[in-house]
C-alpha atoms as a PDB file:
ATOM      1  CA  UNK A   1      57.667 100.857 305.928  1.00  0.00           C
ATOM      2  CA  UNK A   2      60.903 102.835 306.038  1.00  0.00           C
ATOM      3  CA  UNK A   3      63.524 100.763 304.200  1.00  0.00           C
ATOM      4  CA  UNK A   4      67.131 101.893 304.198  1.00  0.00           C
ATOM      5  CA  UNK A   5      68.601 100.834 300.829  1.00  0.00           C
ATOM      6  CA  UNK A   6      72.220  99.712 300.978  1.00  0.00           C
ATOM      7  CA  UNK A   7      73.946  98.384 297.890  1.00  0.00           C
ATOM      8  CA  UNK A   8      76.027  95.884 299.853  1.00  0.00           C
ATOM      9  CA  UNK A   9      72.888  94.091 301.014  1.00  0.00           C
ATOM     10  CA  UNK A  10      71.523  93.443 297.520  1.00  0.00           C
ATOM     11  CA  UNK A  11      71.424  89.855 296.311  1.00  0.00           C
ATOM     12  CA  UNK A  12      74.042  90.628 293.678  1.00  0.00           C
ATOM     13  CA  UNK A  13      76.583  92.095 296.090  1.00  0.00           C
ATOM     14  CA  UNK A  14      76.064  89.294 298.608  1.00  0.00           C
ATOM     15  CA  UNK A  15      76.606  86.676 295.900  1.00  0.00           C
ATOM     16  CA  UNK A  16      79.736  88.471 294.729  1.00  0.00           C
ATOM     17  CA  UNK A  17      81.035  88.396 298.297  1.00  0.00           C
ATOM     18  CA  UNK A  18      80.687  84.596 298.121  1.00  0.00           C
ATOM     19  CA  UNK A  19      82.719  84.459 294.934  1.00  0.00           C
ATOM     20  CA  UNK A  20      79.926  84.296 292.344  1.00  0.00           C
ATOM     21  CA  UNK A  21      79.070  86.576 289.426  1.00  0.00           C
ATOM     22  CA  UNK A  22      75.696  87.681 288.087  1.00  0.00           C
ATOM     23  CA  UNK A  23      76.105  85.351 285.118  1.00  0.00           C
ATOM     24  CA  UNK A  24      76.342  82.355 287.440  1.00  0.00           C
ATOM     25  CA  UNK A  25      72.676  82.816 288.358  1.00  0.00           C
ATOM     26  CA  UNK A  26      70.713  80.807 285.793  1.00  0.00           C
ATOM     27  CA  UNK A  27      67.346  80.374 287.568  1.00  0.00           C
ATOM     28  CA  UNK A  28      65.347  82.740 289.772  1.00  0.00           C
ATOM     29  CA  UNK A  29      62.176  81.591 291.550  1.00  0.00           C
ATOM     30  CA  UNK A  30      59.773  84.323 292.638  1.00  0.00           C
ATOM     31  CA  UNK A  31      56.844  84.251 295.029  1.00  0.00           C
ATOM     32  CA  UNK A  32      55.361  87.314 293.291  1.00  0.00           C
ATOM     33  CA  UNK A  33      56.399  90.491 291.474  1.00  0.00           C
ATOM     34  CA  UNK A  34      55.615  93.232 293.984  1.00  0.00           C
ATOM     35  CA  UNK A  35      58.063  96.122 293.792  1.00  0.00           C
ATOM     36  CA  UNK A  36      59.880  95.024 296.969  1.00  0.00           C
ATOM     37  CA  UNK A  37      60.333  91.473 295.648  1.00  0.00           C
ATOM     38  CA  UNK A  38      61.239  91.979 291.992  1.00  0.00           C
ATOM     39  CA  UNK A  39      63.583  94.954 292.241  1.00  0.00           C
ATOM     40  CA  UNK A  40      66.729  92.852 291.892  1.00  0.00           C
ATOM     41  CA  UNK A  41      65.764  91.164 288.626  1.00  0.00           C
ATOM     42  CA  UNK A  42      67.733  93.580 286.378  1.00  0.00           C
ATOM     43  CA  UNK A  43      70.948  92.534 288.172  1.00  0.00           C
ATOM     44  CA  UNK A  44      70.551  89.042 286.675  1.00  0.00           C
ATOM     45  CA  UNK A  45      69.571  89.621 283.025  1.00  0.00           C
ATOM     46  CA  UNK A  46      70.616  86.150 281.857  1.00  0.00           C
ATOM     47  CA  UNK A  47      68.544  84.204 284.380  1.00  0.00           C
ATOM     48  CA  UNK A  48      65.237  82.510 283.724  1.00  0.00           C
ATOM     49  CA  UNK A  49      62.545  83.816 286.090  1.00  0.00           C
ATOM     50  CA  UNK A  50      60.010  81.232 287.286  1.00  0.00           C
ATOM     51  CA  UNK A  51      56.570  82.306 288.504  1.00  0.00           C
ATOM     52  CA  UNK A  52      52.879  81.512 288.239  1.00  0.00           C
ATOM     53  CA  UNK A  53      51.309  82.577 284.951  1.00  0.00           C
ATOM     54  CA  UNK A  54      48.553  84.402 286.863  1.00  0.00           C
ATOM     55  CA  UNK A  55      51.163  86.624 288.527  1.00  0.00           C
ATOM     56  CA  UNK A  56      52.817  87.582 285.260  1.00  0.00           C
ATOM     57  CA  UNK A  57      49.442  88.357 283.722  1.00  0.00           C
ATOM     58  CA  UNK A  58      48.523  90.528 286.727  1.00  0.00           C
ATOM     59  CA  UNK A  59      51.835  92.380 286.546  1.00  0.00           C
ATOM     60  CA  UNK A  60      51.811  92.976 282.787  1.00  0.00           C
ATOM     61  CA  UNK A  61      48.131  93.972 282.723  1.00  0.00           C
ATOM     62  CA  UNK A  62      47.458  95.286 286.238  1.00  0.00           C
ATOM     63  CA  UNK A  63      44.006  96.156 287.462  1.00  0.00           C
ATOM     64  CA  UNK A  64      43.605  99.704 288.734  1.00  0.00           C
ATOM     65  CA  UNK A  65      43.977  98.488 292.329  1.00  0.00           C
ATOM     66  CA  UNK A  66      47.260  96.726 291.488  1.00  0.00           C
ATOM     67  CA  UNK A  67      49.105  99.470 289.635  1.00  0.00           C
ATOM     68  CA  UNK A  68      51.042 100.665 292.672  1.00  0.00           C
ATOM     69  CA  UNK A  69      52.489  97.232 293.444  1.00  0.00           C
ATOM     70  CA  UNK A  70      54.309  96.627 290.150  1.00  0.00           C
ATOM     71  CA  UNK A  71      57.117  98.739 288.625  1.00  0.00           C
ATOM     72  CA  UNK A  72      57.536  97.053 285.280  1.00  0.00           C
ATOM     73  CA  UNK A  73      59.238  99.964 283.548  1.00  0.00           C
ATOM     74  CA  UNK A  74      62.228  99.817 285.900  1.00  0.00           C
ATOM     75  CA  UNK A  75      62.264  96.204 287.027  1.00  0.00           C
ATOM     76  CA  UNK A  76      61.616  94.583 283.637  1.00  0.00           C
ATOM     77  CA  UNK A  77      63.397  96.913 281.243  1.00  0.00           C
ATOM     78  CA  UNK A  78      65.952  94.160 280.540  1.00  0.00           C
ATOM     79  CA  UNK A  79      63.160  91.954 279.097  1.00  0.00           C
ATOM     80  CA  UNK A  80      63.323  89.091 281.634  1.00  0.00           C
ATOM     81  CA  UNK A  81      63.265  85.483 280.473  1.00  0.00           C
ATOM     82  CA  UNK A  82      59.912  84.645 282.015  1.00  0.00           C
ATOM     83  CA  UNK A  83      59.080  80.968 282.606  1.00  0.00           C
ATOM     84  CA  UNK A  84      55.445  80.647 283.664  1.00  0.00           C
ATOM     85  CA  UNK A  85      53.831  77.716 285.448  1.00  0.00           C
ATOM     86  CA  UNK A  86      50.339  76.564 286.346  1.00  0.00           C
ATOM     87  CA  UNK A  87      49.486  74.121 289.114  1.00  0.00           C
ATOM     88  CA  UNK A  88      49.082  70.786 287.379  1.00  0.00           C
ATOM     89  CA  UNK A  89      47.189  68.896 290.050  1.00  0.00           C
ATOM     90  CA  UNK A  90      50.155  67.382 291.882  1.00  0.00           C
ATOM     91  CA  UNK A  91      49.533  67.378 295.619  1.00  0.00           C
ATOM     92  CA  UNK A  92      52.037  68.479 298.233  1.00  0.00           C
ATOM     93  CA  UNK A  93      50.883  68.110 301.851  1.00  0.00           C
ATOM     94  CA  UNK A  94      47.316  68.911 300.789  1.00  0.00           C
ATOM     95  CA  UNK A  95      48.231  71.842 298.526  1.00  0.00           C
ATOM     96  CA  UNK A  96      48.314  72.047 294.756  1.00  0.00           C
ATOM     97  CA  UNK A  97      51.846  72.278 293.418  1.00  0.00           C
ATOM     98  CA  UNK A  98      53.974  72.221 290.311  1.00  0.00           C
ATOM     99  CA  UNK A  99      57.581  71.088 290.138  1.00  0.00           C
ATOM    100  CA  UNK A 100      59.966  73.366 288.289  1.00  0.00           C
ATOM    101  CA  UNK A 101      63.261  72.205 286.783  1.00  0.00           C
ATOM    102  CA  UNK A 102      61.858  68.660 286.437  1.00  0.00           C
ATOM    103  CA  UNK A 103      64.981  67.440 284.663  1.00  0.00           C
ATOM    104  CA  UNK A 104      67.303  68.387 287.535  1.00  0.00           C
ATOM    105  CA  UNK A 105      68.021  66.686 290.837  1.00  0.00           C
ATOM    106  CA  UNK A 106      66.734  69.723 292.744  1.00  0.00           C
ATOM    107  CA  UNK A 107      63.240  69.378 294.169  1.00  0.00           C
ATOM    108  CA  UNK A 108      61.710  72.854 293.931  1.00  0.00           C
ATOM    109  CA  UNK A 109      57.935  73.309 293.883  1.00  0.00           C
ATOM    110  CA  UNK A 110      55.637  76.253 293.385  1.00  0.00           C
ATOM    111  CA  UNK A 111      52.746  75.994 295.849  1.00  0.00           C
ATOM    112  CA  UNK A 112      50.008  78.488 294.841  1.00  0.00           C
ATOM    113  CA  UNK A 113      48.854  80.689 297.725  1.00  0.00           C
ATOM    114  CA  UNK A 114      46.671  83.263 296.014  1.00  0.00           C
ATOM    115  CA  UNK A 115      45.495  86.279 297.978  1.00  0.00           C
ATOM    116  CA  UNK A 116      48.277  88.743 298.707  1.00  0.00           C
ATOM    117  CA  UNK A 117      48.610  89.118 294.949  1.00  0.00           C
ATOM    118  CA  UNK A 118      46.682  87.521 292.109  1.00  0.00           C
ATOM    119  CA  UNK A 119      49.388  84.990 291.338  1.00  0.00           C
ATOM    120  CA  UNK A 120      51.175  84.703 294.674  1.00  0.00           C
ATOM    121  CA  UNK A 121      52.923  81.392 295.353  1.00  0.00           C
ATOM    122  CA  UNK A 122      55.018  79.775 298.032  1.00  0.00           C
ATOM    123  CA  UNK A 123      58.230  77.981 297.090  1.00  0.00           C
ATOM    124  CA  UNK A 124      58.956  74.552 298.587  1.00  0.00           C
ATOM    125  CA  UNK A 125      62.540  73.294 298.527  1.00  0.00           C
ATOM    126  CA  UNK A 126      63.603  69.812 299.546  1.00  0.00           C
ATOM    127  CA  UNK A 127      66.493  69.824 301.975  1.00  0.00           C
ATOM    128  CA  UNK A 128      68.339  66.976 303.620  1.00  0.00           C
ATOM    129  CA  UNK A 129      66.173  67.301 306.711  1.00  0.00           C
ATOM    130  CA  UNK A 130      62.776  67.787 305.068  1.00  0.00           C
ATOM    131  CA  UNK A 131      61.184  70.739 303.283  1.00  0.00           C
ATOM    132  CA  UNK A 132      61.690  74.485 303.529  1.00  0.00           C
ATOM    133  CA  UNK A 133      58.533  76.371 302.536  1.00  0.00           C
ATOM    134  CA  UNK A 134      59.141  80.020 301.669  1.00  0.00           C
ATOM    135  CA  UNK A 135      55.681  81.543 302.005  1.00  0.00           C
ATOM    136  CA  UNK A 136      56.538  84.961 300.595  1.00  0.00           C
ATOM    137  CA  UNK A 137      53.862  87.411 301.747  1.00  0.00           C
ATOM    138  CA  UNK A 138      51.183  84.814 302.514  1.00  0.00           C
ATOM    139  CA  UNK A 139      51.766  85.966 306.089  1.00  0.00           C
ATOM    140  CA  UNK A 140      54.025  88.612 307.640  1.00  0.00           C
ATOM    141  CA  UNK A 141      54.649  87.560 311.260  1.00  0.00           C
ATOM    142  CA  UNK A 142      55.645  84.239 312.806  1.00  0.00           C
ATOM    143  CA  UNK A 143      52.888  84.639 315.389  1.00  0.00           C
ATOM    144  CA  UNK A 144      50.348  84.106 312.629  1.00  0.00           C
ATOM    145  CA  UNK A 145      51.447  80.474 312.499  1.00  0.00           C
ATOM    146  CA  UNK A 146      50.912  79.938 316.239  1.00  0.00           C
ATOM    147  CA  UNK A 147      47.799  78.384 317.769  1.00  0.00           C
ATOM    148  CA  UNK A 148      46.106  80.593 318.780  1.00  0.00           C
ATOM    149  CA  UNK A 149      47.602  83.214 316.440  1.00  0.00           C
ATOM    150  CA  UNK A 150      49.055  86.419 317.850  1.00  0.00           C
ATOM    151  CA  UNK A 151      50.435  89.365 315.890  1.00  0.00           C
ATOM    152  CA  UNK A 152      50.354  93.193 315.869  1.00  0.00           C
ATOM    153  CA  UNK A 153      46.938  94.656 314.933  1.00  0.00           C
ATOM    154  CA  UNK A 154      48.460  97.258 312.618  1.00  0.00           C
ATOM    155  CA  UNK A 155      50.173  94.480 310.687  1.00  0.00           C
ATOM    156  CA  UNK A 156      46.789  92.830 310.181  1.00  0.00           C
ATOM    157  CA  UNK A 157      45.399  96.130 308.891  1.00  0.00           C
ATOM    158  CA  UNK A 158      48.293  96.462 306.432  1.00  0.00           C
ATOM    159  CA  UNK A 159      47.804  92.939 305.105  1.00  0.00           C
ATOM    160  CA  UNK A 160      44.091  93.504 304.639  1.00  0.00           C
ATOM    161  CA  UNK A 161      44.828  96.742 302.806  1.00  0.00           C
ATOM    162  CA  UNK A 162      47.379  95.305 300.383  1.00  0.00           C
ATOM    163  CA  UNK A 163      45.672  91.996 299.551  1.00  0.00           C
ATOM    164  CA  UNK A 164      44.309  91.448 296.055  1.00  0.00           C
ATOM    165  CA  UNK A 165      41.891  88.825 297.407  1.00  0.00           C
ATOM    166  CA  UNK A 166      41.696  89.086 301.170  1.00  0.00           C
ATOM    167  CA  UNK A 167      39.272  86.204 301.601  1.00  0.00           C
ATOM    168  CA  UNK A 168      41.621  83.857 299.735  1.00  0.00           C
ATOM    169  CA  UNK A 169      44.633  85.236 301.640  1.00  0.00           C
ATOM    170  CA  UNK A 170      43.049  84.486 305.005  1.00  0.00           C
ATOM    171  CA  UNK A 171      41.933  81.031 303.905  1.00  0.00           C
ATOM    172  CA  UNK A 172      45.441  80.136 302.732  1.00  0.00           C
ATOM    173  CA  UNK A 173      46.931  81.506 305.943  1.00  0.00           C
ATOM    174  CA  UNK A 174      44.680  79.132 307.904  1.00  0.00           C
ATOM    175  CA  UNK A 175      45.824  76.231 305.732  1.00  0.00           C
ATOM    176  CA  UNK A 176      49.446  77.169 306.402  1.00  0.00           C
ATOM    177  CA  UNK A 177      48.802  77.259 310.154  1.00  0.00           C
ATOM    178  CA  UNK A 178      47.315  73.781 309.976  1.00  0.00           C
ATOM    179  CA  UNK A 179      50.335  72.588 307.986  1.00  0.00           C
ATOM    180  CA  UNK A 180      52.719  74.118 310.516  1.00  0.00           C
ATOM    181  CA  UNK A 181      50.932  72.284 313.319  1.00  0.00           C
ATOM    182  CA  UNK A 182      50.743  68.820 311.795  1.00  0.00           C
ATOM    183  CA  UNK A 183      54.030  68.730 309.831  1.00  0.00           C
ATOM    184  CA  UNK A 184      56.340  70.753 312.069  1.00  0.00           C
ATOM    185  CA  UNK A 185      59.041  68.083 311.993  1.00  0.00           C
ATOM    186  CA  UNK A 186      59.059  67.791 308.202  1.00  0.00           C
ATOM    187  CA  UNK A 187      58.173  71.260 306.887  1.00  0.00           C
ATOM    188  CA  UNK A 188      59.844  74.487 308.037  1.00  0.00           C
ATOM    189  CA  UNK A 189      57.927  77.663 307.194  1.00  0.00           C
ATOM    190  CA  UNK A 190      59.457  81.095 306.641  1.00  0.00           C
ATOM    191  CA  UNK A 191      58.061  84.330 305.237  1.00  0.00           C
ATOM    192  CA  UNK A 192      59.610  87.360 303.588  1.00  0.00           C
ATOM    193  CA  UNK A 193      59.339  90.173 306.111  1.00  0.00           C
ATOM    194  CA  UNK A 194      59.779  88.740 309.610  1.00  0.00           C
ATOM    195  CA  UNK A 195      63.372  89.073 310.967  1.00  0.00           C
ATOM    196  CA  UNK A 196      62.529  86.362 313.510  1.00  0.00           C
ATOM    197  CA  UNK A 197      63.494  83.696 310.970  1.00  0.00           C
ATOM    198  CA  UNK A 198      66.851  85.237 310.130  1.00  0.00           C
ATOM    199  CA  UNK A 199      67.677  85.621 313.812  1.00  0.00           C
ATOM    200  CA  UNK A 200      66.658  82.006 314.440  1.00  0.00           C
ATOM    201  CA  UNK A 201      68.997  80.692 311.739  1.00  0.00           C
ATOM    202  CA  UNK A 202      71.848  82.902 312.924  1.00  0.00           C
ATOM    203  CA  UNK A 203      71.401  81.484 316.413  1.00  0.00           C
ATOM    204  CA  UNK A 204      71.503  77.946 315.025  1.00  0.00           C
ATOM    205  CA  UNK A 205      74.663  78.729 313.048  1.00  0.00           C
ATOM    206  CA  UNK A 206      76.257  80.231 316.115  1.00  0.00           C
ATOM    207  CA  UNK A 207      75.451  77.162 318.191  1.00  0.00           C
ATOM    208  CA  UNK A 208      76.865  74.875 315.520  1.00  0.00           C
ATOM    209  CA  UNK A 209      80.083  76.887 315.348  1.00  0.00           C
ATOM    210  CA  UNK A 210      80.425  76.830 319.125  1.00  0.00           C
ATOM    211  CA  UNK A 211      79.925  73.066 319.195  1.00  0.00           C
ATOM    212  CA  UNK A 212      82.559  72.542 316.507  1.00  0.00           C
END
């Protein structure tokens, strides 16, 4: 609730530190277009931006209750190259999904998880060890995926307050918890706002470096 903006932590500056330029980014996959998720789009004006068509419609023509979550005048002034998708009936672990970039070797799926926003989606990416499912804001705390779930009450209040469809959000969160329980060895879940996941991966990287 009290972010501290630092230019060196933006996606663009971190990519530049790895030796890439903005023009090297050709595809961007978004979970949704909330102001804290779409703010970096102008840094990559040449990239195609993939999202659910329902999310773009909600952002371009927001309902009164949604007008605070989208900042189109600043974040979309470069006229992004939107590429919209709709779930086409393909099933992924019991969820609807749509594969983007079908002509490439990369397996990247949009997995609709409506609720936090009107067109919110998770992004599933095939890795060598299984699938990584980026759940965006479908949940905010890793404890929500535990059985039984455990998370701060004020966080629950915030999620209820910011949801476009809270009933759908809660239903999809339950489906994600079931997925996490039955497919833990094949599907790794992460979300946008819990530092637990970043710390977990840093610990893994540290262990790997120590072993080497």
